[in-house]
Amino acid sequence: MFFLVRYFHIDIIVIALLLSAVVYSSAYDVGVDYHATEADFIDSVFITQYHTPNVRSTVLTQLQGITDRGATFVSLRIWLVAQPNGSADPNWQATFPLSDQEKTNLHQYANDVASIQSAIDGHRLRLDVCLLWLGAADYTIGNLTVDFGYFHLNASEFTLRVEKTVDSVLQALANVKRPDGVLLVQTVYLEGEVMIGAKANQDWFLATHYPRFIEVVTNANFTPSVYFLVDGLEKHVLQADYIDAQFPALNGHRSMYWVYRSLNFMKNEKLPLPSRIDFSCYIDRQTATYESLISHIIDDASASLSVLGAPDLYGVAETYYFVDDTQRNEYGQAFAIEALLNPRLDRLSFWTTPDAGGQGVNVAYPFAIEDFLLPSSY
C-alpha cells in the first residue's frame, strides 16, 4: 500500500501507514546498543567500572531517558580482551574470563535495567547481551597448531576460558526479573557478525563452543543465538545479475552473501539455526531510497535463506545512527515502514560507539529513538 501512495501528499502517506498498522502486526521492538555513557568508547564503556558510584548513577539516568523516548530493550556488548590479573586495562576491555568484580557489575547492571519503567507510558525494558572476543580471547589469531589469541592459549585452555566466561555471564543474569515478574534477559549471543569463510577459525569456534552454549543458555531460560552481517552496499544489494558460483540460492541476492554461507555452515555442522535471523545491517546508499534497499534486503533473506530452512523472521542487531537529524529520521523510518508493512522484520537496535554515524563518527546519549519507531508510536 505504501508504495502506491508514496509520491502523493505526505498526509496521504501518513494515513496509509496508520491504516496499515491495523492490518499488520505492530509488534516491532526498537532498542539501543548501549554499552558506553559517552562517545569516547575507550574510557566510557561502563560494565567494567559499574561499581563506581558516579558511573552507575549516569547509566541509571541514561537508561531512564532511553526508556522514556520509546526504547523497549537495550543490548549490551561485552568485549573479552584482557588477561586475568593483568595490568590496568582500558575500560572497554573486560577480562577473559570475567573477573569477580565484572561479574558483580553485570549482575547489578541487570537489576538496574530491570528496575527502569517509562514515565511516559509505563513500559519496561528487556536486555540482550552479546559476547565479543578480542585480545586474549581473539580466536582469529593462531590456530590449533600454534594456539589461539594474543597470548597464545592452547585449545584446551581457550575453551575452558570460553566456558567459564559464558557460565559467569549466565550466573550474573540468572533469575533477574522485572517487578512485573518478567525475566529481564531475552537473548544471549555467543558472537556478533558471524562470517564463516571471512574470519579465521570461526568455524572451529562455533563448532566447538556453540553446542554447549545453546544448552546452558537454554537451561537459563534465555534464547541462545549469534548474529550475522548483511552486505549493505547499494550496488551489491541491487545487483540483480549476481551469480554465486558456489550457492545458486544466492543468485540475485548478493546482500545475503555472508549470512547464507554462515547459516549453511551451521546446518552442515548440525548446529541449530537461530529462531530469528539477526544481523548487522549498515546500508550505504548512492541514489536509491533507504526504503527500497531495506525491502530488497529483507526480500533477499526470505528468498535465499528459506532454502536452508531458516525462519522467515529477522532482527537488525546493529545499524547506523546518523548524526544528521534529517538523514537519521529518513533512515530509521525506512526500517519502521518495512516492519509496518511486513512483520518479518521483528526488531531493530542501532549502534552507538564507536563509528555509529560512519567511520570515526561516534555517538552517545541522548538518542532520538523516535526516529526508529513505528509512525503510529509517537
Protein backbone atom coordinates (compact mmCIF):
# COMPACT_ATOMS: atom_id res chain seq x y z
CA MET A 1 0.00 0.00 0.00
CA PHE A 2 2.73 2.45 0.94
CA PHE A 3 4.47 2.34 -2.42
CA LEU A 4 1.25 3.13 -4.26
CA VAL A 5 0.82 6.44 -2.48
CA ARG A 6 4.36 7.46 -1.58
CA TYR A 7 4.61 10.10 -4.29
CA PHE A 8 1.45 11.93 -3.23
CA HIS A 9 0.97 14.38 -0.41
CA ILE A 10 2.66 13.48 2.89
CA ASP A 11 -0.71 13.43 4.68
CA ILE A 12 -1.87 10.60 2.44
CA ILE A 13 1.28 8.65 3.23
CA VAL A 14 0.72 9.02 6.94
CA ILE A 15 -2.91 7.90 6.63
CA ALA A 16 -1.89 4.86 4.59
CA LEU A 17 0.71 3.90 7.14
CA LEU A 18 -1.69 4.22 10.03
CA LEU A 19 -4.26 2.11 8.20
CA SER A 20 -1.56 -0.47 7.55
CA ALA A 21 -0.93 -0.64 11.29
CA VAL A 22 -4.43 -2.06 11.69
CA VAL A 23 -3.80 -4.77 9.09
CA TYR A 24 -0.27 -5.78 10.02
CA SER A 25 1.31 -6.66 13.33
CA SER A 26 2.73 -3.72 15.25
CA ALA A 27 4.95 -5.93 17.40
CA TYR A 28 8.16 -4.14 16.44
CA ASP A 29 10.74 -3.51 19.14
CA VAL A 30 13.32 -0.74 18.97
CA GLY A 31 16.39 -0.77 21.17
CA VAL A 32 19.85 0.70 21.68
CA ASP A 33 23.25 -1.00 21.54
CA TYR A 34 24.09 0.63 24.83
CA HIS A 35 27.48 -0.07 26.39
CA ALA A 36 29.07 3.35 26.97
CA THR A 37 27.99 6.59 28.61
CA GLU A 38 29.92 8.89 26.28
CA ALA A 39 31.12 8.96 22.68
CA ASP A 40 34.63 8.10 23.88
CA PHE A 41 34.43 4.34 23.55
CA ILE A 42 37.81 3.57 25.13
CA ASP A 43 37.12 5.08 28.54
CA SER A 44 33.33 5.26 28.87
CA VAL A 45 32.34 1.60 28.45
CA PHE A 46 30.62 1.07 31.76
CA ILE A 47 30.39 -2.63 32.60
CA THR A 48 33.99 -2.91 33.85
CA GLN A 49 33.56 0.16 36.10
CA TYR A 50 29.92 -0.17 37.12
CA HIS A 51 30.93 -0.43 40.77
CA THR A 52 31.97 3.24 40.61
CA PRO A 53 29.02 5.23 42.03
CA ASN A 54 29.05 8.08 39.51
CA VAL A 55 29.24 5.63 36.59
CA ARG A 56 26.23 3.70 37.85
CA SER A 57 24.32 6.93 38.52
CA THR A 58 24.98 8.15 34.98
CA VAL A 59 23.85 4.85 33.48
CA LEU A 60 20.63 4.88 35.51
CA THR A 61 19.83 8.39 34.30
CA GLN A 62 20.53 7.44 30.70
CA LEU A 63 18.51 4.22 30.91
CA GLN A 64 15.53 6.22 32.14
CA GLY A 65 15.87 8.65 29.25
CA ILE A 66 16.25 5.84 26.72
CA THR A 67 13.08 4.21 28.02
CA ASP A 68 11.08 7.43 28.18
CA ARG A 69 11.84 8.07 24.50
CA GLY A 70 10.41 4.71 23.48
CA ALA A 71 13.10 2.01 23.53
CA THR A 72 11.82 -1.40 24.60
CA PHE A 73 15.20 -3.07 25.06
CA VAL A 74 18.90 -2.39 25.43
CA SER A 75 21.64 -4.60 24.04
CA LEU A 76 24.93 -4.86 25.92
CA ARG A 77 28.24 -5.81 24.29
CA ILE A 78 30.99 -7.27 26.46
CA TRP A 79 34.43 -7.26 24.87
CA LEU A 80 36.51 -10.12 26.31
CA VAL A 81 40.06 -8.87 25.84
CA ALA A 82 42.28 -8.72 28.94
CA GLN A 83 44.30 -11.36 30.73
CA PRO A 84 43.28 -12.22 34.32
CA ASN A 85 45.33 -10.41 36.96
CA GLY A 86 46.97 -8.27 34.33
CA SER A 87 47.90 -4.62 34.48
CA ALA A 88 45.25 -1.92 34.40
CA ASP A 89 43.50 -2.07 31.05
CA PRO A 90 41.30 0.45 29.21
CA ASN A 91 37.74 0.39 30.45
CA TRP A 92 36.35 -1.23 27.30
CA GLN A 93 38.41 -4.37 27.90
CA ALA A 94 36.72 -6.97 30.09
CA THR A 95 38.72 -9.91 31.40
CA PHE A 96 38.84 -13.31 29.68
CA PRO A 97 37.16 -14.88 31.64
CA LEU A 98 35.21 -12.26 33.62
CA SER A 99 36.69 -11.16 36.92
CA ASP A 100 34.61 -11.42 40.09
CA GLN A 101 34.14 -7.64 40.04
CA GLU A 102 32.94 -7.68 36.43
CA LYS A 103 30.52 -10.48 37.23
CA THR A 104 29.17 -8.47 40.18
CA ASN A 105 28.92 -5.39 37.96
CA LEU A 106 26.93 -7.29 35.34
CA HIS A 107 24.51 -8.58 37.95
CA GLN A 108 23.99 -5.06 39.35
CA TYR A 109 23.52 -3.62 35.87
CA ALA A 110 20.91 -6.26 35.03
CA ASN A 111 19.00 -5.46 38.20
CA ASP A 112 19.15 -1.77 37.39
CA VAL A 113 17.81 -2.32 33.87
CA ALA A 114 15.01 -4.41 35.38
CA SER A 115 14.05 -1.55 37.69
CA ILE A 116 13.52 1.01 34.92
CA GLN A 117 9.97 1.97 33.93
CA SER A 118 8.89 4.57 31.40
CA ALA A 119 7.50 7.72 32.96
CA ILE A 120 5.51 8.25 29.75
CA ASP A 121 3.54 5.04 29.24
CA GLY A 122 4.76 2.64 31.95
CA HIS A 123 6.53 0.12 29.72
CA ARG A 124 9.69 -1.65 30.88
CA LEU A 125 12.93 -2.76 29.22
CA ARG A 126 14.31 -6.14 28.23
CA LEU A 127 18.04 -6.88 27.95
CA ASP A 128 20.16 -8.68 25.36
CA VAL A 129 23.84 -9.50 25.91
CA CYS A 130 26.45 -10.22 23.24
CA LEU A 131 29.97 -11.54 23.84
CA LEU A 132 32.80 -10.34 21.61
CA TRP A 133 36.26 -11.90 21.53
CA LEU A 134 39.45 -9.86 21.09
CA GLY A 135 42.97 -9.72 22.54
CA ALA A 136 43.46 -12.69 24.85
CA ALA A 137 40.15 -14.09 23.55
CA ASP A 138 40.77 -13.44 19.85
CA TYR A 139 40.28 -16.86 18.28
CA THR A 140 41.06 -15.44 14.82
CA ILE A 141 44.72 -15.22 15.91
CA GLY A 142 46.62 -18.51 15.58
CA ASN A 143 45.18 -21.97 15.04
CA LEU A 144 45.05 -25.42 16.62
CA THR A 145 48.77 -25.87 15.97
CA VAL A 146 50.17 -22.57 17.23
CA ASP A 147 47.45 -21.82 19.82
CA PHE A 148 44.87 -19.01 19.96
CA GLY A 149 44.67 -15.36 20.90
CA TYR A 150 47.18 -12.65 21.64
CA PHE A 151 48.69 -14.68 24.49
CA HIS A 152 48.81 -18.00 22.59
CA LEU A 153 46.45 -20.10 24.68
CA ASN A 154 46.24 -23.74 23.70
CA ALA A 155 42.87 -25.01 22.51
CA SER A 156 42.01 -26.68 25.81
CA GLU A 157 42.79 -23.59 27.88
CA PHE A 158 40.99 -21.35 25.41
CA THR A 159 37.85 -23.49 25.51
CA LEU A 160 37.99 -23.66 29.30
CA ARG A 161 38.02 -19.87 29.44
CA VAL A 162 35.18 -19.55 26.92
CA GLU A 163 33.04 -21.90 29.00
CA LYS A 164 33.92 -20.12 32.23
CA THR A 165 33.07 -16.77 30.62
CA VAL A 166 29.68 -17.99 29.43
CA ASP A 167 28.92 -19.55 32.81
CA SER A 168 29.88 -16.35 34.64
CA VAL A 169 27.63 -14.25 32.41
CA LEU A 170 24.70 -16.60 32.93
CA GLN A 171 25.23 -16.69 36.68
CA ALA A 172 25.20 -12.89 36.76
CA LEU A 173 21.97 -12.74 34.74
CA ALA A 174 20.13 -15.74 36.13
CA ASN A 175 16.64 -15.13 37.52
CA VAL A 176 16.87 -11.35 37.25
CA LYS A 177 13.24 -10.31 36.86
CA ARG A 178 11.43 -7.05 36.41
CA PRO A 179 8.92 -6.01 39.09
CA ASP A 180 6.16 -7.39 36.84
CA GLY A 181 7.71 -10.87 37.10
CA VAL A 182 9.08 -11.00 33.53
CA LEU A 183 12.62 -12.33 33.08
CA LEU A 184 14.81 -9.39 32.11
CA VAL A 185 17.09 -11.11 29.60
CA GLN A 186 15.81 -12.21 26.22
CA THR A 187 18.76 -13.19 24.02
CA VAL A 188 22.40 -14.03 24.73
CA TYR A 189 24.66 -14.01 21.67
CA LEU A 190 27.82 -16.09 21.60
CA GLU A 191 29.25 -13.93 18.81
CA GLY A 192 28.36 -10.98 16.65
CA GLU A 193 28.77 -10.54 12.89
CA VAL A 194 29.46 -14.19 12.15
CA MET A 195 31.09 -14.50 8.72
CA ILE A 196 32.14 -18.08 8.07
CA GLY A 197 34.88 -18.05 5.44
CA ALA A 198 35.96 -14.49 6.17
CA LYS A 199 37.08 -14.73 9.81
CA ALA A 200 39.87 -17.17 10.60
CA ASN A 201 38.98 -20.10 12.86
CA GLN A 202 35.36 -19.03 13.25
CA ASP A 203 34.24 -22.43 12.01
CA TRP A 204 36.27 -24.08 14.79
CA PHE A 205 35.00 -21.59 17.37
CA LEU A 206 31.33 -22.22 16.59
CA ALA A 207 31.60 -25.98 16.09
CA THR A 208 33.48 -26.30 19.38
CA HIS A 209 31.54 -23.90 21.60
CA TYR A 210 28.06 -23.31 20.21
CA PRO A 211 26.52 -26.68 21.19
CA ARG A 212 27.32 -26.24 24.88
CA PHE A 213 26.39 -22.57 24.69
CA ILE A 214 22.94 -23.46 23.38
CA GLU A 215 22.44 -25.96 26.18
CA VAL A 216 23.44 -23.73 29.08
CA VAL A 217 21.72 -20.60 27.78
CA THR A 218 18.52 -22.53 27.16
CA ASN A 219 18.72 -24.00 30.66
CA ALA A 220 18.87 -20.43 31.99
CA ASN A 221 15.58 -19.73 30.15
CA PHE A 222 17.23 -17.29 27.74
CA THR A 223 17.40 -17.53 23.95
CA PRO A 224 20.84 -18.55 22.59
CA SER A 225 21.91 -17.05 19.29
CA VAL A 226 24.57 -15.48 17.11
CA TYR A 227 24.07 -12.66 14.64
CA PHE A 228 25.34 -12.17 11.12
CA LEU A 229 26.34 -9.40 8.68
CA VAL A 230 24.44 -8.15 5.64
CA ASP A 231 26.24 -6.67 2.64
CA GLY A 232 24.51 -3.29 2.60
CA LEU A 233 26.42 -1.64 -0.25
CA GLU A 234 23.81 -0.31 -2.68
CA LYS A 235 25.41 -1.69 -5.84
CA HIS A 236 25.52 -5.15 -4.25
CA VAL A 237 22.01 -5.02 -2.82
CA LEU A 238 20.62 -4.11 -6.25
CA GLN A 239 22.83 -6.44 -8.31
CA ALA A 240 20.07 -8.44 -9.97
CA ASP A 241 22.53 -10.25 -12.26
CA TYR A 242 24.71 -11.52 -9.40
CA ILE A 243 25.67 -15.19 -9.84
CA ASP A 244 27.16 -17.13 -6.94
CA ALA A 245 29.35 -19.92 -8.27
CA GLN A 246 29.05 -21.93 -5.05
CA PHE A 247 25.47 -21.36 -3.90
CA PRO A 248 22.80 -20.86 -6.62
CA ALA A 249 20.27 -19.85 -3.95
CA LEU A 250 22.22 -16.58 -3.72
CA ASN A 251 21.82 -15.70 -7.39
CA GLY A 252 20.38 -12.19 -7.45
CA HIS A 253 20.59 -11.96 -3.65
CA ARG A 254 24.12 -10.73 -3.01
CA SER A 255 23.22 -8.92 0.22
CA MET A 256 22.97 -12.34 1.90
CA TYR A 257 26.46 -13.44 0.80
CA TRP A 258 27.88 -13.93 4.29
CA VAL A 259 24.60 -14.70 6.05
CA TYR A 260 23.87 -17.63 3.75
CA ARG A 261 27.39 -19.04 3.97
CA SER A 262 27.36 -18.86 7.75
CA LEU A 263 23.94 -20.48 8.11
CA ASN A 264 24.91 -23.14 5.58
CA PHE A 265 27.94 -24.00 7.72
CA MET A 266 25.77 -24.24 10.81
CA LYS A 267 23.32 -26.51 9.03
CA ASN A 268 26.09 -28.77 7.73
CA GLU A 269 27.59 -28.98 11.22
CA LYS A 270 24.13 -29.79 12.61
CA LEU A 271 24.20 -26.64 14.75
CA PRO A 272 20.65 -25.40 15.40
CA LEU A 273 19.80 -22.32 13.38
CA PRO A 274 18.70 -19.29 15.43
CA SER A 275 14.97 -18.91 15.99
CA ARG A 276 15.22 -15.42 14.47
CA ILE A 277 17.90 -14.39 11.98
CA ASP A 278 19.59 -11.29 13.38
CA PHE A 279 22.23 -9.31 11.52
CA SER A 280 24.16 -6.08 11.33
CA CYS A 281 22.61 -4.00 8.55
CA TYR A 282 24.63 -0.94 7.61
CA ILE A 283 23.12 0.45 4.41
CA ASP A 284 25.38 2.58 2.21
CA ARG A 285 23.25 4.13 -0.49
CA GLN A 286 24.07 6.22 -3.53
CA THR A 287 20.84 7.04 -5.38
CA ALA A 288 18.23 4.51 -4.23
CA THR A 289 15.91 5.18 -1.31
CA TYR A 290 16.56 3.59 2.05
CA GLU A 291 13.06 2.09 1.88
CA SER A 292 13.76 0.25 -1.37
CA LEU A 293 17.13 -1.02 -0.17
CA ILE A 294 15.78 -2.32 3.14
CA SER A 295 12.86 -4.00 1.39
CA HIS A 296 15.26 -5.59 -1.08
CA ILE A 297 17.49 -6.90 1.72
CA ILE A 298 14.60 -8.48 3.61
CA ASP A 299 13.27 -9.98 0.36
CA ASP A 300 16.75 -11.37 -0.33
CA ALA A 301 16.73 -13.01 3.08
CA SER A 302 13.31 -14.57 2.57
CA ALA A 303 14.18 -15.88 -0.88
CA SER A 304 17.64 -17.30 -0.19
CA LEU A 305 17.70 -18.39 3.45
CA SER A 306 14.48 -20.39 3.15
CA VAL A 307 16.50 -22.93 1.14
CA LEU A 308 18.37 -23.71 4.36
CA GLY A 309 15.21 -23.98 6.44
CA ALA A 310 15.88 -20.70 8.23
CA PRO A 311 12.92 -18.92 9.83
CA ASP A 312 11.44 -16.01 7.88
CA LEU A 313 11.87 -13.69 10.86
CA TYR A 314 14.57 -11.05 11.17
CA GLY A 315 16.12 -8.62 13.58
CA VAL A 316 18.59 -5.79 12.99
CA ALA A 317 21.25 -6.17 15.68
CA GLU A 318 23.31 -3.17 14.58
CA THR A 319 22.79 -0.30 12.16
CA TYR A 320 23.79 3.31 11.66
CA TYR A 321 22.74 6.16 13.92
CA PHE A 322 23.41 9.17 11.71
CA VAL A 323 24.18 12.49 13.37
CA ASP A 324 22.24 14.48 10.77
CA ASP A 325 18.65 14.65 12.03
CA THR A 326 17.02 14.52 8.60
CA GLN A 327 19.10 11.61 7.35
CA ARG A 328 18.64 9.67 10.58
CA ASN A 329 14.86 10.12 10.54
CA GLU A 330 14.65 9.02 6.92
CA TYR A 331 16.85 6.02 7.66
CA GLY A 332 15.06 4.97 10.83
CA GLN A 333 11.61 5.39 9.33
CA ALA A 334 12.58 3.25 6.35
CA PHE A 335 13.12 0.32 8.72
CA ALA A 336 9.91 1.13 10.59
CA ILE A 337 7.90 1.22 7.37
CA GLU A 338 9.29 -2.17 6.35
CA ALA A 339 8.29 -3.59 9.73
CA LEU A 340 4.86 -1.99 9.46
CA LEU A 341 4.17 -3.46 6.04
CA ASN A 342 5.61 -6.89 6.75
CA PRO A 343 6.03 -8.50 10.19
CA ARG A 344 9.11 -10.41 9.02
CA LEU A 345 11.19 -7.57 10.48
CA ASP A 346 10.68 -8.06 14.19
CA ARG A 347 13.05 -5.61 15.86
CA LEU A 348 15.94 -3.20 15.47
CA SER A 349 18.69 -1.84 17.66
CA PHE A 350 21.04 0.87 16.47
CA TRP A 351 24.76 1.10 17.15
CA THR A 352 26.25 3.90 19.23
CA THR A 353 30.01 3.96 19.73
CA PRO A 354 32.40 3.57 18.03
CA ASP A 355 31.51 4.61 14.47
CA ALA A 356 27.70 4.65 14.68
CA GLY A 357 27.46 7.60 12.31
CA GLY A 358 30.11 6.25 9.95
CA GLN A 359 33.83 5.69 10.32
CA GLY A 360 35.18 7.92 13.07
CA VAL A 361 31.75 9.32 13.94
CA ASN A 362 30.92 8.22 17.48
CA VAL A 363 27.60 9.00 19.14
CA ALA A 364 26.36 9.00 22.71
CA TYR A 365 23.28 9.68 24.82
CA PRO A 366 20.77 11.26 24.33
CA PHE A 367 19.36 9.29 21.39
CA ALA A 368 16.42 10.21 19.15
CA ILE A 369 14.83 6.78 19.46
CA GLU A 370 11.59 8.11 18.00
CA ASP A 371 13.29 8.29 14.60
CA PHE A 372 13.23 4.48 14.51
CA LEU A 373 9.79 3.86 16.00
CA LEU A 374 6.70 2.91 14.02
CA PRO A 375 4.91 6.02 12.67
CA SER A 376 1.91 5.24 14.89
CA SER A 377 4.09 5.04 18.03
CA TYR A 378 4.86 8.73 18.55
